[in-house]
Amino acid sequence: MATILESEMLNYFTQLNDAEKTSVVEMLKSFIKGKKENQKITIEEYNNELLAAESEFKNGNYISHDELLNEIKSW
């Protein structure tokens, strides 16, 4: 049997048009994907990520704060 919250969600969901329903489903997929991606990593994995990021920075693969602000303005 559905909980009160699930019933309420279904009630609202059925009132949406197809485009809105698609948007909500994509949002829910994003939430689930984010939960899976945010699982704990080991210290070794974390350190490897830091080393990779430092290497990218040393190789000039970054943008300045001002460049980022200009990029954001173009969105």
Protein backbone atom coordinates (compact mmCIF):
# COMPACT_ATOMS: atom_id res chain seq x y z
CA MET A 1 0.00 0.00 0.00
CA ALA A 2 1.29 3.44 -0.92
CA THR A 3 2.29 5.83 1.81
CA ILE A 4 0.65 9.23 2.15
CA LEU A 5 3.69 10.86 0.56
CA GLU A 6 3.66 8.44 -2.39
CA SER A 7 -0.07 9.04 -2.90
CA GLU A 8 0.49 12.79 -2.84
CA MET A 9 3.34 12.48 -5.34
CA LEU A 10 1.17 10.39 -7.68
CA ASN A 11 -1.67 12.89 -7.37
CA TYR A 12 0.57 15.78 -8.39
CA PHE A 13 2.34 13.76 -11.08
CA THR A 14 -0.91 12.82 -12.82
CA GLN A 15 -1.81 16.51 -13.10
CA LEU A 16 1.27 17.28 -15.20
CA ASN A 17 1.42 17.31 -18.99
CA ASP A 18 3.79 14.95 -20.82
CA ALA A 19 6.65 17.46 -21.04
CA GLU A 20 6.40 18.21 -17.33
CA LYS A 21 6.27 14.50 -16.49
CA THR A 22 9.39 13.91 -18.57
CA SER A 23 11.15 16.72 -16.73
CA VAL A 24 10.22 15.30 -13.32
CA VAL A 25 11.35 11.79 -14.29
CA GLU A 26 14.69 13.15 -15.51
CA MET A 27 15.11 15.04 -12.25
CA LEU A 28 14.42 11.88 -10.26
CA LYS A 29 16.93 9.95 -12.38
CA SER A 30 19.48 12.66 -11.65
CA PHE A 31 18.86 12.36 -7.90
CA ILE A 32 19.32 8.58 -8.00
CA LYS A 33 22.46 8.85 -10.15
CA GLY A 34 23.89 11.44 -7.76
CA LYS A 35 23.30 9.17 -4.79
CA LYS A 36 25.20 6.35 -6.52
CA GLU A 37 28.06 8.64 -7.57
CA ASN A 38 28.49 10.15 -4.10
CA GLN A 39 29.38 6.90 -2.42
CA LYS A 40 32.46 6.86 -0.23
CA ILE A 41 35.87 6.47 -1.81
CA THR A 42 39.10 5.32 -0.26
CA ILE A 43 41.83 7.71 0.84
CA GLU A 44 43.98 6.33 -1.96
CA GLU A 45 41.29 7.12 -4.56
CA TYR A 46 40.88 10.60 -3.08
CA ASN A 47 44.63 11.23 -3.18
CA ASN A 48 44.76 10.02 -6.80
CA GLU A 49 42.00 12.46 -7.70
CA LEU A 50 43.97 15.28 -6.06
CA LEU A 51 47.14 14.32 -7.93
CA ALA A 52 45.25 14.24 -11.22
CA ALA A 53 43.74 17.67 -10.50
CA GLU A 54 47.16 19.12 -9.62
CA SER A 55 48.56 17.72 -12.85
CA GLU A 56 45.75 19.34 -14.86
CA PHE A 57 46.47 22.66 -13.15
CA LYS A 58 50.22 22.42 -13.78
CA ASN A 59 49.50 21.69 -17.46
CA GLY A 60 47.51 24.90 -17.70
CA ASN A 61 44.14 23.19 -17.94
CA TYR A 62 42.13 25.73 -15.94
CA ILE A 63 40.35 29.04 -16.35
CA SER A 64 40.56 32.14 -14.19
CA HIS A 65 37.70 33.45 -12.09
CA ASP A 66 37.15 36.32 -14.54
CA GLU A 67 37.09 33.90 -17.48
CA LEU A 68 34.51 31.79 -15.67
CA LEU A 69 32.34 34.83 -14.97
CA ASN A 70 32.48 35.80 -18.66
CA GLU A 71 31.57 32.26 -19.65
CA ILE A 72 28.63 32.25 -17.26
CA LYS A 73 27.34 35.48 -18.79
CA SER A 74 27.15 33.76 -22.18
CA TRP A 75 24.81 31.02 -20.89
